[in-house]
Amino acid sequence: MDRELLDEMFAKRGYLFEWQVMLAEAAPEYLRAFDATWSEVNRDRPGGLAAKYRELVYATTASVLGEDVVAKNHMHKAFEAGATRQELIDGLLVAWTPTGSRTLIHGLRTLVEVLQERGEYEAPDVGHRISDRAEHRDRTYGEEAP
């Protein structure tokens, strides 16, 4: 296994995927080529996309594909690169227009999780059952809050 490559990749990204670990063992030359291409695409260059916009593209594209874990990684990275909550929401709305509701649902649900992890969103009490809140799991359809 090419642990040095995995260490380099983690240092650049802040995360690894299991498929990358497996490929580091089975075919490290391909993972090294993948990493070289990824590195080239993601480097800063004069007149190119700023890091926050690259991360917005990644986050919205992952949302289009329903890849919530990938979207979450890139939403965190977008915030770290200076993106705002509104820019992420706007990116998801733009991506939703040509791709449909799956993009918006996956993206906004993931954004809520990211904001909660960052301590920037607390679920408000709206008096109704919210079907994806753990504390409302046992409530019936249409049931109001006590």
N, C-alpha and C. Protein backbone atom coordinates (compact mmCIF):
# COMPACT_ATOMS: atom_id res chain seq x y z
N MET A 1 0.85 -1.19 0.00
CA MET A 1 0.00 0.00 0.00
C MET A 1 0.89 1.24 0.00
N ASP A 2 0.54 2.21 -0.80
CA ASP A 2 1.30 3.45 -0.90
C ASP A 2 0.79 4.45 0.15
N ARG A 3 1.27 4.30 1.38
CA ARG A 3 0.83 5.17 2.48
C ARG A 3 1.30 6.60 2.30
N GLU A 4 2.46 6.77 1.68
CA GLU A 4 2.96 8.13 1.43
C GLU A 4 1.99 8.90 0.53
N LEU A 5 1.49 8.24 -0.50
CA LEU A 5 0.52 8.86 -1.40
C LEU A 5 -0.75 9.21 -0.63
N LEU A 6 -1.23 8.29 0.19
CA LEU A 6 -2.44 8.57 0.97
C LEU A 6 -2.22 9.75 1.92
N ASP A 7 -1.04 9.81 2.53
CA ASP A 7 -0.73 10.95 3.41
C ASP A 7 -0.73 12.26 2.63
N GLU A 8 -0.14 12.24 1.44
CA GLU A 8 -0.11 13.44 0.59
C GLU A 8 -1.53 13.85 0.19
N MET A 9 -2.33 12.88 -0.19
CA MET A 9 -3.70 13.18 -0.61
C MET A 9 -4.51 13.74 0.55
N PHE A 10 -4.36 13.13 1.73
CA PHE A 10 -5.09 13.63 2.90
C PHE A 10 -4.67 15.05 3.23
N ALA A 11 -3.38 15.34 3.14
CA ALA A 11 -2.88 16.69 3.44
C ALA A 11 -3.50 17.73 2.50
N LYS A 12 -3.72 17.37 1.25
CA LYS A 12 -4.32 18.29 0.28
C LYS A 12 -5.81 18.47 0.49
N ARG A 13 -6.51 17.38 0.85
CA ARG A 13 -7.96 17.38 0.85
C ARG A 13 -8.58 17.51 2.23
N GLY A 14 -7.93 16.91 3.22
CA GLY A 14 -8.50 16.86 4.55
C GLY A 14 -9.42 15.67 4.75
N TYR A 15 -9.45 14.76 3.80
CA TYR A 15 -10.27 13.56 3.87
C TYR A 15 -9.76 12.56 2.84
N LEU A 16 -10.14 11.32 3.02
CA LEU A 16 -9.91 10.27 2.03
C LEU A 16 -11.19 9.46 1.92
N PHE A 17 -11.37 8.80 0.79
CA PHE A 17 -12.47 7.87 0.61
C PHE A 17 -11.91 6.45 0.64
N GLU A 18 -12.77 5.52 1.03
CA GLU A 18 -12.34 4.13 1.13
C GLU A 18 -11.84 3.59 -0.22
N TRP A 19 -12.47 4.03 -1.32
CA TRP A 19 -12.02 3.55 -2.63
C TRP A 19 -10.59 4.01 -2.91
N GLN A 20 -10.18 5.16 -2.36
CA GLN A 20 -8.82 5.63 -2.56
C GLN A 20 -7.83 4.76 -1.79
N VAL A 21 -8.21 4.36 -0.58
CA VAL A 21 -7.37 3.48 0.22
C VAL A 21 -7.19 2.14 -0.50
N MET A 22 -8.29 1.60 -1.02
CA MET A 22 -8.22 0.34 -1.73
C MET A 22 -7.34 0.46 -2.97
N LEU A 23 -7.49 1.55 -3.71
CA LEU A 23 -6.70 1.73 -4.93
C LEU A 23 -5.22 1.95 -4.61
N ALA A 24 -4.93 2.54 -3.46
CA ALA A 24 -3.53 2.73 -3.04
C ALA A 24 -2.84 1.38 -2.86
N GLU A 25 -3.63 0.37 -2.55
CA GLU A 25 -3.08 -0.97 -2.40
C GLU A 25 -3.09 -1.74 -3.72
N ALA A 26 -4.19 -1.65 -4.46
CA ALA A 26 -4.37 -2.48 -5.65
C ALA A 26 -3.70 -1.90 -6.90
N ALA A 27 -3.73 -0.59 -7.04
CA ALA A 27 -3.18 0.02 -8.25
C ALA A 27 -2.71 1.45 -7.94
N PRO A 28 -1.66 1.58 -7.15
CA PRO A 28 -1.22 2.91 -6.72
C PRO A 28 -0.83 3.84 -7.87
N GLU A 29 -0.40 3.26 -8.99
CA GLU A 29 -0.02 4.11 -10.13
C GLU A 29 -1.25 4.86 -10.68
N TYR A 30 -2.41 4.23 -10.64
CA TYR A 30 -3.64 4.88 -11.10
C TYR A 30 -4.10 5.95 -10.11
N LEU A 31 -3.95 5.64 -8.82
CA LEU A 31 -4.32 6.63 -7.81
C LEU A 31 -3.39 7.84 -7.90
N ARG A 32 -2.12 7.59 -8.16
CA ARG A 32 -1.17 8.70 -8.31
C ARG A 32 -1.56 9.56 -9.52
N ALA A 33 -1.97 8.95 -10.63
CA ALA A 33 -2.41 9.69 -11.81
C ALA A 33 -3.69 10.47 -11.51
N PHE A 34 -4.62 9.84 -10.79
CA PHE A 34 -5.84 10.53 -10.38
C PHE A 34 -5.50 11.74 -9.54
N ASP A 35 -4.61 11.55 -8.57
CA ASP A 35 -4.23 12.65 -7.69
C ASP A 35 -3.55 13.78 -8.45
N ALA A 36 -2.74 13.45 -9.43
CA ALA A 36 -2.07 14.49 -10.23
C ALA A 36 -3.09 15.31 -11.00
N THR A 37 -4.08 14.65 -11.58
CA THR A 37 -5.13 15.37 -12.30
C THR A 37 -5.95 16.21 -11.35
N TRP A 38 -6.34 15.64 -10.22
CA TRP A 38 -7.11 16.37 -9.20
C TRP A 38 -6.33 17.61 -8.75
N SER A 39 -5.04 17.43 -8.51
CA SER A 39 -4.20 18.54 -8.05
C SER A 39 -4.14 19.66 -9.08
N GLU A 40 -4.03 19.30 -10.33
CA GLU A 40 -3.97 20.31 -11.40
C GLU A 40 -5.29 21.07 -11.50
N VAL A 41 -6.40 20.37 -11.45
CA VAL A 41 -7.71 21.01 -11.53
C VAL A 41 -7.95 21.94 -10.36
N ASN A 42 -7.41 21.59 -9.20
CA ASN A 42 -7.70 22.33 -7.97
C ASN A 42 -6.64 23.34 -7.57
N ARG A 43 -5.69 23.59 -8.43
CA ARG A 43 -4.69 24.59 -8.06
C ARG A 43 -5.19 25.98 -8.43
N ASP A 44 -4.73 26.95 -7.66
CA ASP A 44 -5.05 28.34 -7.97
C ASP A 44 -4.24 28.77 -9.18
N ARG A 45 -4.90 29.47 -10.09
CA ARG A 45 -4.19 29.99 -11.26
C ARG A 45 -4.75 31.36 -11.60
N PRO A 46 -3.91 32.23 -12.12
CA PRO A 46 -4.37 33.59 -12.44
C PRO A 46 -5.59 33.55 -13.37
N GLY A 47 -6.63 34.26 -12.99
CA GLY A 47 -7.83 34.32 -13.80
C GLY A 47 -8.74 33.11 -13.65
N GLY A 48 -8.32 32.12 -12.87
CA GLY A 48 -9.13 30.91 -12.69
C GLY A 48 -10.14 31.08 -11.57
N LEU A 49 -10.91 30.03 -11.34
CA LEU A 49 -11.90 30.05 -10.28
C LEU A 49 -11.22 30.14 -8.92
N ALA A 50 -11.73 31.00 -8.06
CA ALA A 50 -11.26 31.04 -6.68
C ALA A 50 -11.68 29.75 -5.98
N ALA A 51 -10.97 29.40 -4.93
CA ALA A 51 -11.23 28.14 -4.22
C ALA A 51 -12.68 28.03 -3.77
N LYS A 52 -13.28 29.11 -3.27
CA LYS A 52 -14.66 29.00 -2.78
C LYS A 52 -15.62 28.65 -3.91
N TYR A 53 -15.36 29.13 -5.12
CA TYR A 53 -16.23 28.80 -6.25
C TYR A 53 -16.01 27.37 -6.72
N ARG A 54 -14.75 26.91 -6.71
CA ARG A 54 -14.51 25.51 -7.04
C ARG A 54 -15.26 24.60 -6.06
N GLU A 55 -15.21 24.95 -4.79
CA GLU A 55 -15.90 24.14 -3.78
C GLU A 55 -17.41 24.21 -3.94
N LEU A 56 -17.94 25.36 -4.33
CA LEU A 56 -19.37 25.47 -4.62
C LEU A 56 -19.76 24.57 -5.79
N VAL A 57 -18.93 24.53 -6.81
CA VAL A 57 -19.19 23.64 -7.95
C VAL A 57 -19.19 22.19 -7.48
N TYR A 58 -18.18 21.81 -6.72
CA TYR A 58 -18.14 20.44 -6.19
C TYR A 58 -19.39 20.13 -5.37
N ALA A 59 -19.74 21.02 -4.45
CA ALA A 59 -20.87 20.77 -3.54
C ALA A 59 -22.18 20.64 -4.31
N THR A 60 -22.39 21.53 -5.27
CA THR A 60 -23.66 21.46 -6.01
C THR A 60 -23.68 20.26 -6.95
N THR A 61 -22.57 19.94 -7.57
CA THR A 61 -22.52 18.77 -8.44
C THR A 61 -22.76 17.49 -7.64
N ALA A 62 -22.14 17.39 -6.48
CA ALA A 62 -22.37 16.22 -5.64
C ALA A 62 -23.84 16.14 -5.21
N SER A 63 -24.46 17.28 -4.97
CA SER A 63 -25.89 17.30 -4.62
C SER A 63 -26.74 16.83 -5.79
N VAL A 64 -26.38 17.24 -7.00
CA VAL A 64 -27.10 16.79 -8.19
C VAL A 64 -27.05 15.27 -8.27
N LEU A 65 -25.91 14.70 -7.94
CA LEU A 65 -25.71 13.25 -8.04
C LEU A 65 -26.23 12.48 -6.82
N GLY A 66 -26.70 13.22 -5.80
CA GLY A 66 -27.19 12.56 -4.58
C GLY A 66 -26.06 12.03 -3.71
N GLU A 67 -24.87 12.55 -3.90
CA GLU A 67 -23.69 12.12 -3.14
C GLU A 67 -23.54 13.00 -1.90
N ASP A 68 -24.35 12.71 -0.88
CA ASP A 68 -24.41 13.57 0.30
C ASP A 68 -23.08 13.67 1.05
N VAL A 69 -22.34 12.57 1.17
CA VAL A 69 -21.07 12.60 1.89
C VAL A 69 -20.07 13.51 1.17
N VAL A 70 -20.02 13.40 -0.14
CA VAL A 70 -19.12 14.24 -0.93
C VAL A 70 -19.56 15.70 -0.84
N ALA A 71 -20.86 15.93 -0.97
CA ALA A 71 -21.38 17.30 -0.86
C ALA A 71 -21.02 17.90 0.49
N LYS A 72 -21.15 17.12 1.54
CA LYS A 72 -20.84 17.62 2.89
C LYS A 72 -19.37 18.03 2.98
N ASN A 73 -18.47 17.19 2.51
CA ASN A 73 -17.04 17.54 2.52
C ASN A 73 -16.80 18.87 1.83
N HIS A 74 -17.40 19.03 0.66
CA HIS A 74 -17.13 20.24 -0.12
C HIS A 74 -17.87 21.46 0.40
N MET A 75 -18.99 21.27 1.06
CA MET A 75 -19.65 22.41 1.71
C MET A 75 -18.77 22.94 2.85
N HIS A 76 -18.22 22.03 3.64
CA HIS A 76 -17.29 22.48 4.70
C HIS A 76 -16.11 23.22 4.08
N LYS A 77 -15.56 22.66 3.01
CA LYS A 77 -14.42 23.31 2.37
C LYS A 77 -14.80 24.65 1.75
N ALA A 78 -16.02 24.76 1.22
CA ALA A 78 -16.48 26.04 0.67
C ALA A 78 -16.53 27.10 1.77
N PHE A 79 -17.07 26.73 2.93
CA PHE A 79 -17.10 27.68 4.05
C PHE A 79 -15.68 28.07 4.46
N GLU A 80 -14.79 27.10 4.54
CA GLU A 80 -13.40 27.37 4.91
C GLU A 80 -12.73 28.28 3.89
N ALA A 81 -13.17 28.23 2.64
CA ALA A 81 -12.59 29.08 1.58
C ALA A 81 -13.29 30.43 1.49
N GLY A 82 -14.28 30.68 2.36
CA GLY A 82 -14.91 31.99 2.40
C GLY A 82 -16.31 32.08 1.85
N ALA A 83 -16.90 30.97 1.43
CA ALA A 83 -18.27 31.00 0.91
C ALA A 83 -19.24 31.29 2.06
N THR A 84 -20.37 31.86 1.71
CA THR A 84 -21.40 32.15 2.70
C THR A 84 -22.54 31.13 2.58
N ARG A 85 -23.36 31.10 3.60
CA ARG A 85 -24.55 30.25 3.58
C ARG A 85 -25.40 30.59 2.36
N GLN A 86 -25.59 31.88 2.11
CA GLN A 86 -26.44 32.29 0.99
C GLN A 86 -25.85 31.86 -0.35
N GLU A 87 -24.53 31.92 -0.48
CA GLU A 87 -23.90 31.47 -1.74
C GLU A 87 -24.14 29.97 -1.96
N LEU A 88 -24.06 29.18 -0.89
CA LEU A 88 -24.34 27.75 -1.03
C LEU A 88 -25.80 27.52 -1.39
N ILE A 89 -26.70 28.23 -0.74
CA ILE A 89 -28.12 28.09 -1.07
C ILE A 89 -28.36 28.50 -2.51
N ASP A 90 -27.80 29.63 -2.92
CA ASP A 90 -27.98 30.09 -4.31
C ASP A 90 -27.42 29.08 -5.31
N GLY A 91 -26.25 28.51 -5.00
CA GLY A 91 -25.67 27.49 -5.87
C GLY A 91 -26.60 26.30 -6.03
N LEU A 92 -27.20 25.87 -4.93
CA LEU A 92 -28.15 24.74 -4.99
C LEU A 92 -29.40 25.11 -5.77
N LEU A 93 -29.88 26.34 -5.61
CA LEU A 93 -31.05 26.78 -6.36
C LEU A 93 -30.77 26.84 -7.86
N VAL A 94 -29.59 27.32 -8.22
CA VAL A 94 -29.22 27.37 -9.64
C VAL A 94 -29.11 25.95 -10.19
N ALA A 95 -28.48 25.04 -9.44
CA ALA A 95 -28.34 23.66 -9.90
C ALA A 95 -29.70 22.95 -9.96
N TRP A 96 -30.59 23.30 -9.07
CA TRP A 96 -31.93 22.69 -9.03
C TRP A 96 -32.72 23.01 -10.29
N THR A 97 -32.57 24.23 -10.80
CA THR A 97 -33.38 24.66 -11.93
C THR A 97 -33.30 23.68 -13.11
N PRO A 98 -32.09 23.28 -13.56
CA PRO A 98 -32.05 22.34 -14.68
C PRO A 98 -32.09 20.86 -14.27
N THR A 99 -31.90 20.56 -12.97
CA THR A 99 -31.75 19.15 -12.62
C THR A 99 -32.89 18.57 -11.79
N GLY A 100 -33.67 19.39 -11.14
CA GLY A 100 -34.83 18.89 -10.43
C GLY A 100 -34.72 18.87 -8.92
N SER A 101 -35.80 18.41 -8.30
CA SER A 101 -35.96 18.52 -6.85
C SER A 101 -34.96 17.67 -6.08
N ARG A 102 -34.49 16.58 -6.64
CA ARG A 102 -33.51 15.74 -5.93
C ARG A 102 -32.28 16.56 -5.54
N THR A 103 -31.84 17.42 -6.43
CA THR A 103 -30.69 18.28 -6.15
C THR A 103 -30.97 19.16 -4.95
N LEU A 104 -32.11 19.80 -4.96
CA LEU A 104 -32.46 20.73 -3.88
C LEU A 104 -32.62 20.00 -2.56
N ILE A 105 -33.30 18.86 -2.58
CA ILE A 105 -33.52 18.10 -1.35
C ILE A 105 -32.21 17.59 -0.78
N HIS A 106 -31.39 16.93 -1.60
CA HIS A 106 -30.11 16.43 -1.12
C HIS A 106 -29.22 17.58 -0.66
N GLY A 107 -29.15 18.62 -1.45
CA GLY A 107 -28.27 19.73 -1.14
C GLY A 107 -28.66 20.47 0.12
N LEU A 108 -29.93 20.82 0.26
CA LEU A 108 -30.35 21.58 1.43
C LEU A 108 -30.31 20.73 2.70
N ARG A 109 -30.68 19.47 2.59
CA ARG A 109 -30.59 18.58 3.75
C ARG A 109 -29.13 18.47 4.21
N THR A 110 -28.23 18.34 3.27
CA THR A 110 -26.81 18.25 3.61
C THR A 110 -26.31 19.58 4.17
N LEU A 111 -26.76 20.69 3.60
CA LEU A 111 -26.35 22.00 4.12
C LEU A 111 -26.81 22.19 5.56
N VAL A 112 -28.02 21.76 5.89
CA VAL A 112 -28.49 21.84 7.28
C VAL A 112 -27.54 21.07 8.19
N GLU A 113 -27.16 19.85 7.80
CA GLU A 113 -26.23 19.05 8.61
C GLU A 113 -24.89 19.76 8.78
N VAL A 114 -24.37 20.32 7.71
CA VAL A 114 -23.09 21.03 7.76
C VAL A 114 -23.19 22.22 8.70
N LEU A 115 -24.24 23.01 8.56
CA LEU A 115 -24.41 24.19 9.42
C LEU A 115 -24.57 23.78 10.88
N GLN A 116 -25.27 22.69 11.15
CA GLN A 116 -25.40 22.20 12.52
C GLN A 116 -24.04 21.75 13.05
N GLU A 117 -23.26 21.04 12.24
CA GLU A 117 -21.92 20.62 12.66
C GLU A 117 -21.03 21.80 12.97
N ARG A 118 -21.21 22.89 12.26
CA ARG A 118 -20.40 24.09 12.45
C ARG A 118 -20.97 24.99 13.55
N GLY A 119 -22.09 24.59 14.15
CA GLY A 119 -22.72 25.39 15.19
C GLY A 119 -23.37 26.66 14.67
N GLU A 120 -23.77 26.64 13.38
CA GLU A 120 -24.33 27.83 12.74
C GLU A 120 -25.81 27.70 12.41
N TYR A 121 -26.43 26.61 12.85
CA TYR A 121 -27.86 26.43 12.62
C TYR A 121 -28.44 25.61 13.76
N GLU A 122 -29.49 26.12 14.34
CA GLU A 122 -30.23 25.39 15.36
C GLU A 122 -31.65 25.25 14.84
N ALA A 123 -32.13 24.03 14.83
CA ALA A 123 -33.46 23.77 14.28
C ALA A 123 -34.52 24.51 15.11
N PRO A 124 -35.27 25.41 14.48
CA PRO A 124 -36.29 26.17 15.22
C PRO A 124 -37.51 25.31 15.49
N ASP A 125 -38.21 25.62 16.57
CA ASP A 125 -39.46 24.94 16.87
C ASP A 125 -40.55 25.65 16.08
N VAL A 126 -41.14 24.95 15.13
CA VAL A 126 -42.21 25.54 14.31
C VAL A 126 -43.57 24.98 14.67
N GLY A 127 -43.62 24.08 15.68
CA GLY A 127 -44.90 23.57 16.14
C GLY A 127 -45.47 22.43 15.33
N HIS A 128 -44.77 21.99 14.33
CA HIS A 128 -45.25 20.91 13.48
C HIS A 128 -44.24 19.77 13.48
N ARG A 129 -44.70 18.60 13.09
CA ARG A 129 -43.82 17.44 12.94
C ARG A 129 -42.88 17.71 11.76
N ILE A 130 -41.61 17.58 12.00
CA ILE A 130 -40.59 17.70 10.94
C ILE A 130 -40.05 16.28 10.75
N SER A 131 -40.38 15.67 9.63
CA SER A 131 -40.19 14.23 9.48
C SER A 131 -38.74 13.77 9.52
N ASP A 132 -37.78 14.65 9.28
CA ASP A 132 -36.39 14.19 9.34
C ASP A 132 -35.68 14.62 10.62
N ARG A 133 -36.44 15.07 11.63
CA ARG A 133 -35.84 15.37 12.93
C ARG A 133 -36.01 14.16 13.84
N ALA A 134 -34.91 13.74 14.43
CA ALA A 134 -34.93 12.54 15.27
C ALA A 134 -35.95 12.67 16.40
N GLU A 135 -36.07 13.84 16.99
CA GLU A 135 -36.99 14.01 18.12
C GLU A 135 -38.46 13.93 17.72
N HIS A 136 -38.75 13.96 16.42
CA HIS A 136 -40.12 13.87 15.93
C HIS A 136 -40.43 12.49 15.34
N ARG A 137 -39.49 11.58 15.43
CA ARG A 137 -39.60 10.27 14.78
C ARG A 137 -40.87 9.51 15.16
N ASP A 138 -41.30 9.61 16.43
CA ASP A 138 -42.46 8.83 16.90
C ASP A 138 -43.78 9.55 16.72
N ARG A 139 -43.77 10.75 16.18
CA ARG A 139 -45.01 11.49 15.98
C ARG A 139 -45.68 11.02 14.70
N THR A 140 -46.97 11.10 14.66
CA THR A 140 -47.70 10.66 13.48
C THR A 140 -47.82 11.78 12.47
N TYR A 141 -48.17 11.41 11.26
CA TYR A 141 -48.34 12.37 10.19
C TYR A 141 -49.34 13.44 10.58
N GLY A 142 -48.95 14.69 10.40
CA GLY A 142 -49.83 15.83 10.66
C GLY A 142 -49.96 16.19 12.13
N GLU A 143 -49.32 15.45 13.02
CA GLU A 143 -49.44 15.72 14.46
C GLU A 143 -48.73 17.02 14.81
N GLU A 144 -49.38 17.84 15.57
CA GLU A 144 -48.81 19.10 16.02
C GLU A 144 -47.93 18.85 17.25
N ALA A 145 -47.05 19.77 17.51
CA ALA A 145 -46.20 19.67 18.70
C ALA A 145 -47.05 19.87 19.95
N PRO A 146 -46.66 19.23 21.05
CA PRO A 146 -47.43 19.39 22.30
C PRO A 146 -47.36 20.81 22.81
